[in-house]
Amino acid sequence: MDTTPKKEGPETTRLREVSPDEVELIPEGNLPREDMTEFQSWLDRALQGGQRTIALNFQDVNSISSSAIGKILHFKKTCDEMGRRLVIRNCGTEMLQLLKMIKFDALIEIEQ
């Protein structure tokens, strides 16, 4: 699987195969509304590999827009329809608080 970082300004996104059953999408920096086309293409790439589990690693994500949240919710629906499992992991304290405040943890599994 291609793990070459894709540059977009100062931020980078990469896709990493964790195991034959799991792929991890690792965005860095911010997920602002302006980057949604690029973010969507990375989500689509994550689905192409056939792994059962897709993890969004938010370790290096500083902020997230409402558009990104909408994309993730739609992606969750697509994963469910395809029999895939979506998880979010490694959120910073502020990001975790935000996701819990909007009840995201009730919709998508969040691993720490």
PDB file of N, CA and C in Angstrom:
ATOM      1  N   MET A   1       0.845  -1.174   0.000  1.00  0.00           N
ATOM      2  CA  MET A   1       0.000   0.000   0.000  1.00  0.00           C
ATOM      3  C   MET A   1       0.883   1.227   0.000  1.00  0.00           C
ATOM      4  N   ASP A   2       0.467   2.254  -0.724  1.00  0.00           N
ATOM      5  CA  ASP A   2       1.238   3.477  -0.821  1.00  0.00           C
ATOM      6  C   ASP A   2       1.177   4.238   0.494  1.00  0.00           C
ATOM      7  N   THR A   3       2.345   4.476   1.069  1.00  0.00           N
ATOM      8  CA  THR A   3       2.400   5.225   2.324  1.00  0.00           C
ATOM      9  C   THR A   3       3.101   6.557   2.125  1.00  0.00           C
ATOM     10  N   THR A   4       3.314   6.952   0.868  1.00  0.00           N
ATOM     11  CA  THR A   4       3.971   8.214   0.590  1.00  0.00           C
ATOM     12  C   THR A   4       3.071   9.360   1.020  1.00  0.00           C
ATOM     13  N   PRO A   5       3.608  10.277   1.840  1.00  0.00           N
ATOM     14  CA  PRO A   5       2.787  11.405   2.265  1.00  0.00           C
ATOM     15  C   PRO A   5       2.361  12.263   1.082  1.00  0.00           C
ATOM     16  N   LYS A   6       1.147  12.756   1.135  1.00  0.00           N
ATOM     17  CA  LYS A   6       0.627  13.666   0.140  1.00  0.00           C
ATOM     18  C   LYS A   6       0.658  15.056   0.756  1.00  0.00           C
ATOM     19  N   LYS A   7       1.434  15.945   0.180  1.00  0.00           N
ATOM     20  CA  LYS A   7       1.594  17.293   0.722  1.00  0.00           C
ATOM     21  C   LYS A   7       0.439  18.178   0.284  1.00  0.00           C
ATOM     22  N   GLU A   8      -0.053  18.961   1.181  1.00  0.00           N
ATOM     23  CA  GLU A   8      -1.025  20.007   0.884  1.00  0.00           C
ATOM     24  C   GLU A   8      -0.740  21.129   1.850  1.00  0.00           C
ATOM     25  N   GLY A   9      -0.015  22.120   1.396  1.00  0.00           N
ATOM     26  CA  GLY A   9       0.433  23.159   2.300  1.00  0.00           C
ATOM     27  C   GLY A   9       1.314  22.540   3.358  1.00  0.00           C
ATOM     28  N   PRO A  10       1.205  23.000   4.607  1.00  0.00           N
ATOM     29  CA  PRO A  10       2.034  22.439   5.662  1.00  0.00           C
ATOM     30  C   PRO A  10       1.519  21.108   6.195  1.00  0.00           C
ATOM     31  N   GLU A  11       0.283  20.728   5.844  1.00  0.00           N
ATOM     32  CA  GLU A  11      -0.287  19.494   6.370  1.00  0.00           C
ATOM     33  C   GLU A  11       0.050  18.310   5.477  1.00  0.00           C
ATOM     34  N   THR A  12       0.024  17.134   6.063  1.00  0.00           N
ATOM     35  CA  THR A  12       0.305  15.891   5.354  1.00  0.00           C
ATOM     36  C   THR A  12      -0.748  14.875   5.752  1.00  0.00           C
ATOM     37  N   THR A  13      -1.103  14.014   4.821  1.00  0.00           N
ATOM     38  CA  THR A  13      -1.962  12.883   5.124  1.00  0.00           C
ATOM     39  C   THR A  13      -1.277  11.652   4.575  1.00  0.00           C
ATOM     40  N   ARG A  14      -1.347  10.562   5.316  1.00  0.00           N
ATOM     41  CA  ARG A  14      -0.786   9.315   4.805  1.00  0.00           C
ATOM     42  C   ARG A  14      -1.688   8.155   5.181  1.00  0.00           C
ATOM     43  N   LEU A  15      -1.537   7.089   4.433  1.00  0.00           N
ATOM     44  CA  LEU A  15      -2.296   5.870   4.638  1.00  0.00           C
ATOM     45  C   LEU A  15      -1.292   4.786   4.989  1.00  0.00           C
ATOM     46  N   ARG A  16      -1.547   4.070   6.079  1.00  0.00           N
ATOM     47  CA  ARG A  16      -0.603   3.056   6.545  1.00  0.00           C
ATOM     48  C   ARG A  16      -1.350   1.751   6.780  1.00  0.00           C
ATOM     49  N   GLU A  17      -0.846   0.676   6.183  1.00  0.00           N
ATOM     50  CA  GLU A  17      -1.437  -0.630   6.417  1.00  0.00           C
ATOM     51  C   GLU A  17      -0.895  -1.164   7.738  1.00  0.00           C
ATOM     52  N   VAL A  18      -1.761  -1.324   8.726  1.00  0.00           N
ATOM     53  CA  VAL A  18      -1.380  -1.811  10.050  1.00  0.00           C
ATOM     54  C   VAL A  18      -1.252  -3.328  10.028  1.00  0.00           C
ATOM     55  N   SER A  19      -2.179  -3.971   9.341  1.00  0.00           N
ATOM     56  CA  SER A  19      -2.192  -5.429   9.200  1.00  0.00           C
ATOM     57  C   SER A  19      -3.018  -5.738   7.954  1.00  0.00           C
ATOM     58  N   PRO A  20      -3.078  -6.999   7.555  1.00  0.00           N
ATOM     59  CA  PRO A  20      -3.927  -7.336   6.403  1.00  0.00           C
ATOM     60  C   PRO A  20      -5.400  -6.999   6.634  1.00  0.00           C
ATOM     61  N   ASP A  21      -5.784  -6.815   7.896  1.00  0.00           N
ATOM     62  CA  ASP A  21      -7.178  -6.540   8.245  1.00  0.00           C
ATOM     63  C   ASP A  21      -7.437  -5.086   8.637  1.00  0.00           C
ATOM     64  N   GLU A  22      -6.379  -4.255   8.693  1.00  0.00           N
ATOM     65  CA  GLU A  22      -6.567  -2.884   9.178  1.00  0.00           C
ATOM     66  C   GLU A  22      -5.684  -1.888   8.434  1.00  0.00           C
ATOM     67  N   VAL A  23      -6.292  -0.774   8.083  1.00  0.00           N
ATOM     68  CA  VAL A  23      -5.574   0.337   7.476  1.00  0.00           C
ATOM     69  C   VAL A  23      -5.827   1.572   8.330  1.00  0.00           C
ATOM     70  N   GLU A  24      -4.829   2.443   8.405  1.00  0.00           N
ATOM     71  CA  GLU A  24      -4.923   3.637   9.243  1.00  0.00           C
ATOM     72  C   GLU A  24      -4.697   4.866   8.371  1.00  0.00           C
ATOM     73  N   LEU A  25      -5.627   5.805   8.442  1.00  0.00           N
ATOM     74  CA  LEU A  25      -5.516   7.080   7.761  1.00  0.00           C
ATOM     75  C   LEU A  25      -5.013   8.088   8.780  1.00  0.00           C
ATOM     76  N   ILE A  26      -3.899   8.743   8.462  1.00  0.00           N
ATOM     77  CA  ILE A  26      -3.234   9.612   9.433  1.00  0.00           C
ATOM     78  C   ILE A  26      -3.137  11.038   8.878  1.00  0.00           C
ATOM     79  N   PRO A  27      -4.137  11.876   9.153  1.00  0.00           N
ATOM     80  CA  PRO A  27      -4.030  13.283   8.761  1.00  0.00           C
ATOM     81  C   PRO A  27      -3.225  14.058   9.803  1.00  0.00           C
ATOM     82  N   GLU A  28      -2.579  15.128   9.379  1.00  0.00           N
ATOM     83  CA  GLU A  28      -1.819  15.971  10.303  1.00  0.00           C
ATOM     84  C   GLU A  28      -2.258  17.418  10.136  1.00  0.00           C
ATOM     85  N   GLY A  29      -2.203  18.159  11.214  1.00  0.00           N
ATOM     86  CA  GLY A  29      -2.552  19.578  11.166  1.00  0.00           C
ATOM     87  C   GLY A  29      -4.027  19.786  11.390  1.00  0.00           C
ATOM     88  N   ASN A  30      -4.661  20.461  10.436  1.00  0.00           N
ATOM     89  CA  ASN A  30      -6.068  20.817  10.555  1.00  0.00           C
ATOM     90  C   ASN A  30      -6.883  20.099   9.494  1.00  0.00           C
ATOM     91  N   LEU A  31      -8.152  19.926   9.764  1.00  0.00           N
ATOM     92  CA  LEU A  31      -9.088  19.423   8.764  1.00  0.00           C
ATOM     93  C   LEU A  31     -10.109  20.527   8.491  1.00  0.00           C
ATOM     94  N   PRO A  32      -9.662  21.606   7.814  1.00  0.00           N
ATOM     95  CA  PRO A  32     -10.570  22.714   7.533  1.00  0.00           C
ATOM     96  C   PRO A  32     -11.472  22.429   6.347  1.00  0.00           C
ATOM     97  N   ARG A  33     -12.476  23.225   6.194  1.00  0.00           N
ATOM     98  CA  ARG A  33     -13.461  23.035   5.137  1.00  0.00           C
ATOM     99  C   ARG A  33     -12.827  23.082   3.743  1.00  0.00           C
ATOM    100  N   GLU A  34     -11.797  23.882   3.553  1.00  0.00           N
ATOM    101  CA  GLU A  34     -11.182  24.042   2.245  1.00  0.00           C
ATOM    102  C   GLU A  34     -10.523  22.763   1.737  1.00  0.00           C
ATOM    103  N   ASP A  35     -10.158  21.850   2.628  1.00  0.00           N
ATOM    104  CA  ASP A  35      -9.429  20.642   2.250  1.00  0.00           C
ATOM    105  C   ASP A  35     -10.329  19.421   2.086  1.00  0.00           C
ATOM    106  N   MET A  36     -11.624  19.592   1.992  1.00  0.00           N
ATOM    107  CA  MET A  36     -12.520  18.443   2.004  1.00  0.00           C
ATOM    108  C   MET A  36     -12.396  17.561   0.768  1.00  0.00           C
ATOM    109  N   THR A  37     -12.068  18.111  -0.386  1.00  0.00           N
ATOM    110  CA  THR A  37     -11.893  17.278  -1.577  1.00  0.00           C
ATOM    111  C   THR A  37     -10.716  16.341  -1.383  1.00  0.00           C
ATOM    112  N   GLU A  38      -9.620  16.857  -0.887  1.00  0.00           N
ATOM    113  CA  GLU A  38      -8.433  16.037  -0.630  1.00  0.00           C
ATOM    114  C   GLU A  38      -8.716  15.008   0.468  1.00  0.00           C
ATOM    115  N   PHE A  39      -9.381  15.437   1.535  1.00  0.00           N
ATOM    116  CA  PHE A  39      -9.716  14.516   2.625  1.00  0.00           C
ATOM    117  C   PHE A  39     -10.613  13.393   2.118  1.00  0.00           C
ATOM    118  N   GLN A  40     -11.594  13.729   1.284  1.00  0.00           N
ATOM    119  CA  GLN A  40     -12.493  12.718   0.722  1.00  0.00           C
ATOM    120  C   GLN A  40     -11.723  11.723  -0.131  1.00  0.00           C
ATOM    121  N   SER A  41     -10.744  12.191  -0.885  1.00  0.00           N
ATOM    122  CA  SER A  41      -9.973  11.260  -1.721  1.00  0.00           C
ATOM    123  C   SER A  41      -9.176  10.287  -0.854  1.00  0.00           C
ATOM    124  N   TRP A  42      -8.694  10.737   0.298  1.00  0.00           N
ATOM    125  CA  TRP A  42      -7.988   9.835   1.220  1.00  0.00           C
ATOM    126  C   TRP A  42      -8.953   8.822   1.843  1.00  0.00           C
ATOM    127  N   LEU A  43     -10.157   9.259   2.172  1.00  0.00           N
ATOM    128  CA  LEU A  43     -11.163   8.329   2.691  1.00  0.00           C
ATOM    129  C   LEU A  43     -11.477   7.260   1.644  1.00  0.00           C
ATOM    130  N   ASP A  44     -11.622   7.690   0.395  1.00  0.00           N
ATOM    131  CA  ASP A  44     -11.905   6.744  -0.685  1.00  0.00           C
ATOM    132  C   ASP A  44     -10.762   5.741  -0.852  1.00  0.00           C
ATOM    133  N   ARG A  45      -9.537   6.210  -0.749  1.00  0.00           N
ATOM    134  CA  ARG A  45      -8.377   5.312  -0.849  1.00  0.00           C
ATOM    135  C   ARG A  45      -8.386   4.275   0.272  1.00  0.00           C
ATOM    136  N   ALA A  46      -8.791   4.694   1.444  1.00  0.00           N
ATOM    137  CA  ALA A  46      -8.833   3.764   2.579  1.00  0.00           C
ATOM    138  C   ALA A  46      -9.817   2.622   2.310  1.00  0.00           C
ATOM    139  N   LEU A  47     -10.896   2.906   1.593  1.00  0.00           N
ATOM    140  CA  LEU A  47     -11.889   1.872   1.275  1.00  0.00           C
ATOM    141  C   LEU A  47     -11.414   0.907   0.197  1.00  0.00           C
ATOM    142  N   GLN A  48     -10.504   1.341  -0.637  1.00  0.00           N
ATOM    143  CA  GLN A  48     -10.070   0.525  -1.772  1.00  0.00           C
ATOM    144  C   GLN A  48      -9.261  -0.697  -1.361  1.00  0.00           C
ATOM    145  N   GLY A  49      -8.615  -0.650  -0.192  1.00  0.00           N
ATOM    146  CA  GLY A  49      -7.729  -1.734   0.210  1.00  0.00           C
ATOM    147  C   GLY A  49      -8.414  -3.008   0.636  1.00  0.00           C
ATOM    148  N   GLY A  50      -9.661  -2.960   1.009  1.00  0.00           N
ATOM    149  CA  GLY A  50     -10.377  -4.162   1.402  1.00  0.00           C
ATOM    150  C   GLY A  50     -10.198  -4.561   2.862  1.00  0.00           C
ATOM    151  N   GLN A  51      -9.447  -3.796   3.636  1.00  0.00           N
ATOM    152  CA  GLN A  51      -9.300  -4.120   5.056  1.00  0.00           C
ATOM    153  C   GLN A  51     -10.634  -3.942   5.762  1.00  0.00           C
ATOM    154  N   ARG A  52     -10.879  -4.794   6.753  1.00  0.00           N
ATOM    155  CA  ARG A  52     -12.137  -4.762   7.498  1.00  0.00           C
ATOM    156  C   ARG A  52     -12.222  -3.550   8.421  1.00  0.00           C
ATOM    157  N   THR A  53     -11.084  -3.140   8.999  1.00  0.00           N
ATOM    158  CA  THR A  53     -11.066  -2.009   9.929  1.00  0.00           C
ATOM    159  C   THR A  53     -10.334  -0.827   9.303  1.00  0.00           C
ATOM    160  N   ILE A  54     -10.972   0.334   9.389  1.00  0.00           N
ATOM    161  CA  ILE A  54     -10.363   1.582   8.944  1.00  0.00           C
ATOM    162  C   ILE A  54     -10.279   2.491  10.155  1.00  0.00           C
ATOM    163  N   ALA A  55      -9.066   2.903  10.494  1.00  0.00           N
ATOM    164  CA  ALA A  55      -8.848   3.760  11.662  1.00  0.00           C
ATOM    165  C   ALA A  55      -8.439   5.144  11.209  1.00  0.00           C
ATOM    166  N   LEU A  56      -9.066   6.154  11.789  1.00  0.00           N
ATOM    167  CA  LEU A  56      -8.647   7.533  11.597  1.00  0.00           C
ATOM    168  C   LEU A  56      -7.781   7.895  12.801  1.00  0.00           C
ATOM    169  N   ASN A  57      -6.503   8.089  12.575  1.00  0.00           N
ATOM    170  CA  ASN A  57      -5.571   8.416  13.652  1.00  0.00           C
ATOM    171  C   ASN A  57      -5.478   9.936  13.747  1.00  0.00           C
ATOM    172  N   PHE A  58      -6.045  10.498  14.816  1.00  0.00           N
ATOM    173  CA  PHE A  58      -6.104  11.954  14.992  1.00  0.00           C
ATOM    174  C   PHE A  58      -5.002  12.487  15.901  1.00  0.00           C
ATOM    175  N   GLN A  59      -3.938  11.721  16.077  1.00  0.00           N
ATOM    176  CA  GLN A  59      -2.861  12.127  16.978  1.00  0.00           C
ATOM    177  C   GLN A  59      -2.313  13.511  16.628  1.00  0.00           C
ATOM    178  N   ASP A  60      -2.186  13.817  15.343  1.00  0.00           N
ATOM    179  CA  ASP A  60      -1.590  15.080  14.918  1.00  0.00           C
ATOM    180  C   ASP A  60      -2.602  16.057  14.332  1.00  0.00           C
ATOM    181  N   VAL A  61      -3.894  15.835  14.595  1.00  0.00           N
ATOM    182  CA  VAL A  61      -4.928  16.750  14.114  1.00  0.00           C
ATOM    183  C   VAL A  61      -5.186  17.797  15.189  1.00  0.00           C
ATOM    184  N   ASN A  62      -5.027  19.068  14.801  1.00  0.00           N
ATOM    185  CA  ASN A  62      -5.192  20.171  15.752  1.00  0.00           C
ATOM    186  C   ASN A  62      -6.618  20.694  15.810  1.00  0.00           C
ATOM    187  N   SER A  63      -7.296  20.687  14.669  1.00  0.00           N
ATOM    188  CA  SER A  63      -8.674  21.181  14.639  1.00  0.00           C
ATOM    189  C   SER A  63      -9.429  20.474  13.523  1.00  0.00           C
ATOM    190  N   ILE A  64     -10.746  20.521  13.642  1.00  0.00           N
ATOM    191  CA  ILE A  64     -11.606  19.837  12.675  1.00  0.00           C
ATOM    192  C   ILE A  64     -12.816  20.716  12.391  1.00  0.00           C
ATOM    193  N   SER A  65     -13.168  20.843  11.136  1.00  0.00           N
ATOM    194  CA  SER A  65     -14.304  21.681  10.752  1.00  0.00           C
ATOM    195  C   SER A  65     -15.599  20.864  10.781  1.00  0.00           C
ATOM    196  N   SER A  66     -16.699  21.564  10.749  1.00  0.00           N
ATOM    197  CA  SER A  66     -17.992  20.878  10.702  1.00  0.00           C
ATOM    198  C   SER A  66     -18.125  20.101   9.391  1.00  0.00           C
ATOM    199  N   SER A  67     -17.504  20.586   8.327  1.00  0.00           N
ATOM    200  CA  SER A  67     -17.527  19.861   7.054  1.00  0.00           C
ATOM    201  C   SER A  67     -16.800  18.527   7.172  1.00  0.00           C
ATOM    202  N   ALA A  68     -15.669  18.516   7.869  1.00  0.00           N
ATOM    203  CA  ALA A  68     -14.922  17.273   8.077  1.00  0.00           C
ATOM    204  C   ALA A  68     -15.743  16.298   8.919  1.00  0.00           C
ATOM    205  N   ILE A  69     -16.429  16.805   9.920  1.00  0.00           N
ATOM    206  CA  ILE A  69     -17.284  15.953  10.745  1.00  0.00           C
ATOM    207  C   ILE A  69     -18.378  15.327   9.884  1.00  0.00           C
ATOM    208  N   GLY A  70     -18.965  16.119   8.997  1.00  0.00           N
ATOM    209  CA  GLY A  70     -19.978  15.592   8.085  1.00  0.00           C
ATOM    210  C   GLY A  70     -19.418  14.519   7.167  1.00  0.00           C
ATOM    211  N   LYS A  71     -18.217  14.741   6.640  1.00  0.00           N
ATOM    212  CA  LYS A  71     -17.571  13.744   5.775  1.00  0.00           C
ATOM    213  C   LYS A  71     -17.327  12.441   6.532  1.00  0.00           C
ATOM    214  N   ILE A  72     -16.890  12.551   7.776  1.00  0.00           N
ATOM    215  CA  ILE A  72     -16.621  11.359   8.583  1.00  0.00           C
ATOM    216  C   ILE A  72     -17.919  10.596   8.865  1.00  0.00           C
ATOM    217  N   LEU A  73     -18.995  11.321   9.161  1.00  0.00           N
ATOM    218  CA  LEU A  73     -20.279  10.657   9.394  1.00  0.00           C
ATOM    219  C   LEU A  73     -20.771   9.934   8.144  1.00  0.00           C
ATOM    220  N   HIS A  74     -20.628  10.557   6.999  1.00  0.00           N
ATOM    221  CA  HIS A  74     -21.020   9.919   5.745  1.00  0.00           C
ATOM    222  C   HIS A  74     -20.126   8.712   5.475  1.00  0.00           C
ATOM    223  N   PHE A  75     -18.838   8.839   5.774  1.00  0.00           N
ATOM    224  CA  PHE A  75     -17.894   7.741   5.600  1.00  0.00           C
ATOM    225  C   PHE A  75     -18.250   6.573   6.519  1.00  0.00           C
ATOM    226  N   LYS A  76     -18.683   6.883   7.732  1.00  0.00           N
ATOM    227  CA  LYS A  76     -19.120   5.847   8.676  1.00  0.00           C
ATOM    228  C   LYS A  76     -20.292   5.060   8.095  1.00  0.00           C
ATOM    229  N   LYS A  77     -21.242   5.776   7.498  1.00  0.00           N
ATOM    230  CA  LYS A  77     -22.395   5.122   6.883  1.00  0.00           C
ATOM    231  C   LYS A  77     -21.936   4.201   5.756  1.00  0.00           C
ATOM    232  N   THR A  78     -21.008   4.678   4.924  1.00  0.00           N
ATOM    233  CA  THR A  78     -20.477   3.875   3.829  1.00  0.00           C
ATOM    234  C   THR A  78     -19.770   2.633   4.372  1.00  0.00           C
ATOM    235  N   CYS A  79     -18.976   2.812   5.418  1.00  0.00           N
ATOM    236  CA  CYS A  79     -18.286   1.674   6.044  1.00  0.00           C
ATOM    237  C   CYS A  79     -19.288   0.643   6.544  1.00  0.00           C
ATOM    238  N   ASP A  80     -20.326   1.113   7.221  1.00  0.00           N
ATOM    239  CA  ASP A  80     -21.360   0.205   7.727  1.00  0.00           C
ATOM    240  C   ASP A  80     -22.004  -0.583   6.589  1.00  0.00           C
ATOM    241  N   GLU A  81     -22.315   0.108   5.500  1.00  0.00           N
ATOM    242  CA  GLU A  81     -22.949  -0.543   4.356  1.00  0.00           C
ATOM    243  C   GLU A  81     -22.044  -1.584   3.709  1.00  0.00           C
ATOM    244  N   MET A  82     -20.727  -1.379   3.805  1.00  0.00           N
ATOM    245  CA  MET A  82     -19.758  -2.291   3.193  1.00  0.00           C
ATOM    246  C   MET A  82     -19.258  -3.350   4.178  1.00  0.00           C
ATOM    247  N   GLY A  83     -19.809  -3.339   5.410  1.00  0.00           N
ATOM    248  CA  GLY A  83     -19.382  -4.307   6.411  1.00  0.00           C
ATOM    249  C   GLY A  83     -18.015  -4.008   6.995  1.00  0.00           C
ATOM    250  N   ARG A  84     -17.637  -2.740   6.982  1.00  0.00           N
ATOM    251  CA  ARG A  84     -16.352  -2.314   7.521  1.00  0.00           C
ATOM    252  C   ARG A  84     -16.550  -1.653   8.879  1.00  0.00           C
ATOM    253  N   ARG A  85     -15.492  -1.628   9.655  1.00  0.00           N
ATOM    254  CA  ARG A  85     -15.513  -1.008  10.992  1.00  0.00           C
ATOM    255  C   ARG A  85     -14.669   0.263  10.940  1.00  0.00           C
ATOM    256  N   LEU A  86     -15.229   1.378  11.379  1.00  0.00           N
ATOM    257  CA  LEU A  86     -14.514   2.647  11.436  1.00  0.00           C
ATOM    258  C   LEU A  86     -14.261   2.998  12.891  1.00  0.00           C
ATOM    259  N   VAL A  87     -13.015   3.347  13.200  1.00  0.00           N
ATOM    260  CA  VAL A  87     -12.662   3.806  14.540  1.00  0.00           C
ATOM    261  C   VAL A  87     -11.847   5.080  14.418  1.00  0.00           C
ATOM    262  N   ILE A  88     -11.932   5.879  15.459  1.00  0.00           N
ATOM    263  CA  ILE A  88     -11.081   7.060  15.589  1.00  0.00           C
ATOM    264  C   ILE A  88     -10.169   6.787  16.770  1.00  0.00           C
ATOM    265  N   ARG A  89      -8.889   7.098  16.605  1.00  0.00           N
ATOM    266  CA  ARG A  89      -7.961   6.820  17.697  1.00  0.00           C
ATOM    267  C   ARG A  89      -6.959   7.950  17.882  1.00  0.00           C
ATOM    268  N   ASN A  90      -6.348   7.929  19.076  1.00  0.00           N
ATOM    269  CA  ASN A  90      -5.245   8.836  19.431  1.00  0.00           C
ATOM    270  C   ASN A  90      -5.608  10.311  19.355  1.00  0.00           C
ATOM    271  N   CYS A  91      -6.804  10.652  19.808  1.00  0.00           N
ATOM    272  CA  CYS A  91      -7.211  12.056  19.854  1.00  0.00           C
ATOM    273  C   CYS A  91      -6.488  12.755  20.997  1.00  0.00           C
ATOM    274  N   GLY A  92      -6.122  14.001  20.772  1.00  0.00           N
ATOM    275  CA  GLY A  92      -5.623  14.821  21.860  1.00  0.00           C
ATOM    276  C   GLY A  92      -6.757  15.129  22.818  1.00  0.00           C
ATOM    277  N   THR A  93      -6.425  15.668  23.973  1.00  0.00           N
ATOM    278  CA  THR A  93      -7.424  15.950  25.003  1.00  0.00           C
ATOM    279  C   THR A  93      -8.530  16.875  24.504  1.00  0.00           C
ATOM    280  N   GLU A  94      -8.146  17.970  23.846  1.00  0.00           N
ATOM    281  CA  GLU A  94      -9.154  18.927  23.369  1.00  0.00           C
ATOM    282  C   GLU A  94     -10.021  18.330  22.271  1.00  0.00           C
ATOM    283  N   MET A  95      -9.402  17.575  21.369  1.00  0.00           N
ATOM    284  CA  MET A  95     -10.166  16.944  20.289  1.00  0.00           C
ATOM    285  C   MET A  95     -11.146  15.922  20.865  1.00  0.00           C
ATOM    286  N   LEU A  96     -10.700  15.133  21.829  1.00  0.00           N
ATOM    287  CA  LEU A  96     -11.571  14.145  22.464  1.00  0.00           C
ATOM    288  C   LEU A  96     -12.743  14.832  23.158  1.00  0.00           C
ATOM    289  N   GLN A  97     -12.482  15.926  23.848  1.00  0.00           N
ATOM    290  CA  GLN A  97     -13.559  16.669  24.511  1.00  0.00           C
ATOM    291  C   GLN A  97     -14.574  17.178  23.491  1.00  0.00           C
ATOM    292  N   LEU A  98     -14.082  17.694  22.365  1.00  0.00           N
ATOM    293  CA  LEU A  98     -14.972  18.188  21.317  1.00  0.00           C
ATOM    294  C   LEU A  98     -15.835  17.056  20.766  1.00  0.00           C
ATOM    295  N   LEU A  99     -15.206  15.929  20.445  1.00  0.00           N
ATOM    296  CA  LEU A  99     -15.960  14.806  19.882  1.00  0.00           C
ATOM    297  C   LEU A  99     -17.000  14.270  20.858  1.00  0.00           C
ATOM    298  N   LYS A 100     -16.662  14.243  22.142  1.00  0.00           N
ATOM    299  CA  LYS A 100     -17.641  13.799  23.147  1.00  0.00           C
ATOM    300  C   LYS A 100     -18.749  14.827  23.336  1.00  0.00           C
ATOM    301  N   MET A 101     -18.408  16.111  23.248  1.00  0.00           N
ATOM    302  CA  MET A 101     -19.395  17.169  23.417  1.00  0.00           C
ATOM    303  C   MET A 101     -20.481  17.081  22.336  1.00  0.00           C
ATOM    304  N   ILE A 102     -20.086  16.715  21.116  1.00  0.00           N
ATOM    305  CA  ILE A 102     -21.067  16.602  20.038  1.00  0.00           C
ATOM    306  C   ILE A 102     -21.594  15.171  19.890  1.00  0.00           C
ATOM    307  N   LYS A 103     -21.297  14.335  20.901  1.00  0.00           N
ATOM    308  CA  LYS A 103     -21.807  12.955  20.973  1.00  0.00           C
ATOM    309  C   LYS A 103     -21.304  12.068  19.827  1.00  0.00           C
ATOM    310  N   PHE A 104     -20.132  12.404  19.291  1.00  0.00           N
ATOM    311  CA  PHE A 104     -19.540  11.608  18.224  1.00  0.00           C
ATOM    312  C   PHE A 104     -19.195  10.208  18.710  1.00  0.00           C
ATOM    313  N   ASP A 105     -18.855  10.109  19.984  1.00  0.00           N
ATOM    314  CA  ASP A 105     -18.478   8.805  20.560  1.00  0.00           C
ATOM    315  C   ASP A 105     -19.666   7.843  20.628  1.00  0.00           C
ATOM    316  N   ALA A 106     -20.883   8.360  20.515  1.00  0.00           N
ATOM    317  CA  ALA A 106     -22.060   7.491  20.480  1.00  0.00           C
ATOM    318  C   ALA A 106     -22.274   6.895  19.087  1.00  0.00           C
ATOM    319  N   LEU A 107     -21.648   7.510  18.081  1.00  0.00           N
ATOM    320  CA  LEU A 107     -21.823   7.076  16.705  1.00  0.00           C
ATOM    321  C   LEU A 107     -20.643   6.287  16.160  1.00  0.00           C
ATOM    322  N   ILE A 108     -19.452   6.667  16.589  1.00  0.00           N
ATOM    323  CA  ILE A 108     -18.219   6.058  16.098  1.00  0.00           C
ATOM    324  C   ILE A 108     -17.347   5.696  17.291  1.00  0.00           C
ATOM    325  N   GLU A 109     -16.801   4.497  17.256  1.00  0.00           N
ATOM    326  CA  GLU A 109     -15.922   4.050  18.332  1.00  0.00           C
ATOM    327  C   GLU A 109     -14.677   4.931  18.379  1.00  0.00           C
ATOM    328  N   ILE A 110     -14.334   5.385  19.583  1.00  0.00           N
ATOM    329  CA  ILE A 110     -13.130   6.191  19.781  1.00  0.00           C
ATOM    330  C   ILE A 110     -12.207   5.428  20.714  1.00  0.00           C
ATOM    331  N   GLU A 111     -11.025   5.103  20.183  1.00  0.00           N
ATOM    332  CA  GLU A 111     -10.008   4.403  20.979  1.00  0.00           C
ATOM    333  C   GLU A 111      -8.982   5.418  21.473  1.00  0.00           C
ATOM    334  N   GLN A 112      -8.528   5.178  22.691  1.00  0.00           N
ATOM    335  CA  GLN A 112      -7.441   6.020  23.213  1.00  0.00           C
ATOM    336  C   GLN A 112      -6.246   5.192  23.326  1.00  0.00           C
TER     337      GLN A 112
END
